[in-house]
């Protein structure tokens, strides 16, 4: 579960493992918690896919490739 803030909302949106609720809305937060706890099977993702998306080494490598491309060094 995440508030609808940049960056914070990305993992649940990409994985489907949670919900995004409006910032400062405790009622929406409570309702989302109840939905998730009541139907956990609807919020389960693939551990392998999640690892691939959020692995720090994979993400660091992606940034390195971007920097090299920007600098004109694709070696």
Protein backbone atom coordinates (compact mmCIF):
# COMPACT_ATOMS: atom_id res chain seq x y z
CA UNK A 1 0.00 0.00 0.00
CA UNK A 2 1.27 3.44 -0.82
CA UNK A 3 0.13 7.02 -0.82
CA UNK A 4 -0.31 8.60 -4.22
CA UNK A 5 3.11 10.24 -4.24
CA UNK A 6 5.80 10.17 -6.94
CA UNK A 7 8.07 7.18 -6.49
CA UNK A 8 6.07 5.77 -3.60
CA UNK A 9 3.22 4.66 -5.85
CA UNK A 10 5.49 2.94 -8.39
CA UNK A 11 5.99 -0.49 -6.75
CA UNK A 12 2.29 -1.27 -6.19
CA UNK A 13 1.41 0.02 -9.65
CA UNK A 14 4.12 -2.04 -11.37
CA UNK A 15 3.59 -5.23 -9.38
CA UNK A 16 -0.11 -5.16 -8.56
CA UNK A 17 0.91 -6.00 -5.00
CA UNK A 18 -1.01 -3.37 -3.12
CA UNK A 19 -3.05 -0.28 -3.76
CA UNK A 20 -2.40 3.42 -4.10
CA UNK A 21 -4.51 5.67 -1.91
CA UNK A 22 -4.93 9.44 -1.84
CA UNK A 23 -2.50 11.35 0.36
CA UNK A 24 -3.99 12.28 3.72
CA UNK A 25 -7.09 10.08 3.38
CA UNK A 26 -7.21 7.74 6.37
CA UNK A 27 -10.59 6.34 5.31
CA UNK A 28 -9.21 5.29 1.91
CA UNK A 29 -6.16 3.81 3.62
CA UNK A 30 -8.32 1.77 6.01
CA UNK A 31 -10.53 0.54 3.17
CA UNK A 32 -7.49 -0.50 1.12
CA UNK A 33 -6.01 -2.39 4.09
CA UNK A 34 -9.29 -4.24 4.55
CA UNK A 35 -9.46 -5.13 0.82
CA UNK A 36 -5.89 -6.42 0.80
CA UNK A 37 -6.24 -8.43 4.02
CA UNK A 38 -9.60 -9.82 2.86
CA UNK A 39 -8.32 -10.89 -0.58
CA UNK A 40 -4.55 -11.44 -0.36
CA UNK A 41 -4.60 -13.73 -3.40
CA UNK A 42 -5.49 -10.72 -5.57
CA UNK A 43 -2.33 -8.90 -4.51
CA UNK A 44 0.27 -11.63 -4.92
CA UNK A 45 2.97 -11.17 -7.51
CA UNK A 46 5.72 -13.27 -8.94
CA UNK A 47 8.80 -13.15 -6.71
CA UNK A 48 11.04 -13.62 -9.77
CA UNK A 49 9.44 -10.69 -11.62
CA UNK A 50 9.63 -8.48 -8.54
CA UNK A 51 13.31 -9.38 -8.07
CA UNK A 52 13.97 -8.51 -11.70
CA UNK A 53 12.20 -5.13 -11.38
CA UNK A 54 13.69 -4.00 -8.09
CA UNK A 55 17.07 -5.73 -7.87
CA UNK A 56 19.56 -2.97 -6.96
CA UNK A 57 22.30 -4.42 -9.19
CA UNK A 58 19.97 -4.59 -12.19
CA UNK A 59 18.86 -1.01 -11.59
CA UNK A 60 22.43 0.21 -11.12
CA UNK A 61 23.41 -1.47 -14.40
CA UNK A 62 20.51 0.24 -16.18
CA UNK A 63 21.64 3.64 -14.88
CA UNK A 64 25.21 2.92 -15.92
CA UNK A 65 24.06 2.08 -19.46
CA UNK A 66 22.09 5.35 -19.61
CA UNK A 67 25.08 7.38 -18.41
CA UNK A 68 27.38 5.69 -20.92
CA UNK A 69 24.89 6.35 -23.72
CA UNK A 70 24.63 10.00 -22.74
CA UNK A 71 28.41 10.25 -22.75
CA UNK A 72 28.64 8.45 -26.09
CA UNK A 73 30.45 5.43 -24.64
CA UNK A 74 28.60 2.22 -25.43
CA UNK A 75 31.53 -0.11 -24.82
